[in-house]
Amino acid sequence: MSDFKVIVRNNGPLRLEGDITIVDQDGKPFGLGGRTALGLCRCGHSSNKPFCDGSHGKMGFASECPARDLPPPAPKA
């Protein structure tokens, strides 16, 4: 099992750490240059989407997401 973690940063990006593969909607992989950590934009203002470029700080993006338990998924009909 791979060691992979997603960290939801308050007022910032989603930080991915570990063995990362990111593909577009057609399944074509992004070249990550061997990175084992990177940030994905949550604010929508990055000029390098889907990756974070730090724009959240300039735009005053605010979002805090404390950990919580989700309810079980609804049964499939």
C-alpha atoms as a PDB file:
ATOM      1  CA  MET A   1       0.000   0.000   0.000  1.00  0.00           C
ATOM      2  CA  SER A   2       1.403   3.393  -0.961  1.00  0.00           C
ATOM      3  CA  ASP A   3       2.093   6.097   1.593  1.00  0.00           C
ATOM      4  CA  PHE A   4      -0.058   8.955   0.270  1.00  0.00           C
ATOM      5  CA  LYS A   5      -1.507  11.899   2.172  1.00  0.00           C
ATOM      6  CA  VAL A   6      -3.751  14.869   1.317  1.00  0.00           C
ATOM      7  CA  ILE A   7      -3.527  17.777   3.731  1.00  0.00           C
ATOM      8  CA  VAL A   8      -6.319  20.385   3.624  1.00  0.00           C
ATOM      9  CA  ARG A   9      -4.516  23.608   4.503  1.00  0.00           C
ATOM     10  CA  ASN A  10      -6.588  26.310   6.160  1.00  0.00           C
ATOM     11  CA  ASN A  11      -6.902  29.275   3.785  1.00  0.00           C
ATOM     12  CA  GLY A  12      -4.649  27.541   1.272  1.00  0.00           C
ATOM     13  CA  PRO A  13      -4.199  24.649  -1.140  1.00  0.00           C
ATOM     14  CA  LEU A  14      -4.668  20.932  -0.911  1.00  0.00           C
ATOM     15  CA  ARG A  15      -1.165  19.569  -0.286  1.00  0.00           C
ATOM     16  CA  LEU A  16      -0.456  16.142  -1.748  1.00  0.00           C
ATOM     17  CA  GLU A  17       2.447  14.116  -0.368  1.00  0.00           C
ATOM     18  CA  GLY A  18       3.701  10.708  -1.453  1.00  0.00           C
ATOM     19  CA  ASP A  19       3.523   8.714  -4.671  1.00  0.00           C
ATOM     20  CA  ILE A  20       1.521  11.166  -6.802  1.00  0.00           C
ATOM     21  CA  THR A  21      -0.080  10.713 -10.205  1.00  0.00           C
ATOM     22  CA  ILE A  22      -2.395  13.407 -11.564  1.00  0.00           C
ATOM     23  CA  VAL A  23      -4.263  12.956 -14.831  1.00  0.00           C
ATOM     24  CA  ASP A  24      -6.579  15.202 -16.821  1.00  0.00           C
ATOM     25  CA  GLN A  25     -10.168  14.201 -17.636  1.00  0.00           C
ATOM     26  CA  ASP A  26      -8.920  12.230 -20.650  1.00  0.00           C
ATOM     27  CA  GLY A  27      -6.490  10.230 -18.515  1.00  0.00           C
ATOM     28  CA  LYS A  28      -3.353  12.009 -19.800  1.00  0.00           C
ATOM     29  CA  PRO A  29      -0.840  12.390 -16.956  1.00  0.00           C
ATOM     30  CA  PHE A  30       0.687  15.693 -15.896  1.00  0.00           C
ATOM     31  CA  GLY A  31       4.495  15.600 -15.860  1.00  0.00           C
ATOM     32  CA  LEU A  32       5.360  16.238 -12.230  1.00  0.00           C
ATOM     33  CA  GLY A  33       9.130  16.150 -12.616  1.00  0.00           C
ATOM     34  CA  GLY A  34       9.587  13.557  -9.877  1.00  0.00           C
ATOM     35  CA  ARG A  35       7.862  15.649  -7.208  1.00  0.00           C
ATOM     36  CA  THR A  36       6.651  13.836  -4.114  1.00  0.00           C
ATOM     37  CA  ALA A  37       4.826  16.896  -2.720  1.00  0.00           C
ATOM     38  CA  LEU A  38       2.778  19.625  -4.379  1.00  0.00           C
ATOM     39  CA  GLY A  39      -0.209  21.882  -3.825  1.00  0.00           C
ATOM     40  CA  LEU A  40      -3.498  21.900  -5.722  1.00  0.00           C
ATOM     41  CA  CYS A  41      -5.418  25.176  -5.997  1.00  0.00           C
ATOM     42  CA  ARG A  42      -8.620  25.536  -3.950  1.00  0.00           C
ATOM     43  CA  CYS A  43      -9.194  29.267  -4.416  1.00  0.00           C
ATOM     44  CA  GLY A  44      -9.624  29.262  -8.198  1.00  0.00           C
ATOM     45  CA  HIS A  45      -7.195  32.157  -8.750  1.00  0.00           C
ATOM     46  CA  SER A  46      -3.995  30.268  -9.636  1.00  0.00           C
ATOM     47  CA  SER A  47      -2.552  31.027 -13.057  1.00  0.00           C
ATOM     48  CA  ASN A  48      -1.058  27.506 -13.007  1.00  0.00           C
ATOM     49  CA  LYS A  49      -4.239  25.446 -12.397  1.00  0.00           C
ATOM     50  CA  PRO A  50      -4.700  22.830 -11.141  1.00  0.00           C
ATOM     51  CA  PHE A  51      -1.528  23.650  -9.186  1.00  0.00           C
ATOM     52  CA  CYS A  52      -1.243  26.305  -6.494  1.00  0.00           C
ATOM     53  CA  ASP A  53       0.829  29.417  -7.287  1.00  0.00           C
ATOM     54  CA  GLY A  54       0.220  31.227  -3.991  1.00  0.00           C
ATOM     55  CA  SER A  55      -2.571  33.461  -5.347  1.00  0.00           C
ATOM     56  CA  HIS A  56      -4.802  32.531  -2.393  1.00  0.00           C
ATOM     57  CA  GLY A  57      -2.720  34.800  -0.159  1.00  0.00           C
ATOM     58  CA  LYS A  58      -3.085  37.829  -2.436  1.00  0.00           C
ATOM     59  CA  MET A  59      -6.806  37.224  -2.976  1.00  0.00           C
ATOM     60  CA  GLY A  60      -7.662  36.771   0.699  1.00  0.00           C
ATOM     61  CA  PHE A  61      -9.014  33.243   0.206  1.00  0.00           C
ATOM     62  CA  ALA A  62     -10.537  31.957   3.446  1.00  0.00           C
ATOM     63  CA  SER A  63     -11.629  28.382   4.069  1.00  0.00           C
ATOM     64  CA  GLU A  64     -11.074  26.321   7.171  1.00  0.00           C
ATOM     65  CA  CYS A  65     -11.933  22.628   6.981  1.00  0.00           C
ATOM     66  CA  PRO A  66     -11.487  20.811  10.293  1.00  0.00           C
ATOM     67  CA  ALA A  67     -11.497  17.017  10.118  1.00  0.00           C
ATOM     68  CA  ARG A  68     -14.855  15.307  10.644  1.00  0.00           C
ATOM     69  CA  ASP A  69     -16.528  11.978  10.027  1.00  0.00           C
ATOM     70  CA  LEU A  70     -18.663  11.642   6.918  1.00  0.00           C
ATOM     71  CA  PRO A  71     -21.879   9.634   7.037  1.00  0.00           C
ATOM     72  CA  PRO A  72     -21.858   6.251   5.285  1.00  0.00           C
ATOM     73  CA  PRO A  73     -22.503   6.450   1.533  1.00  0.00           C
ATOM     74  CA  ALA A  74     -26.083   6.045   0.382  1.00  0.00           C
ATOM     75  CA  PRO A  75     -26.864   2.549  -0.909  1.00  0.00           C
ATOM     76  CA  LYS A  76     -26.899   2.204  -4.670  1.00  0.00           C
ATOM     77  CA  ALA A  77     -30.291   1.501  -6.140  1.00  0.00           C
END
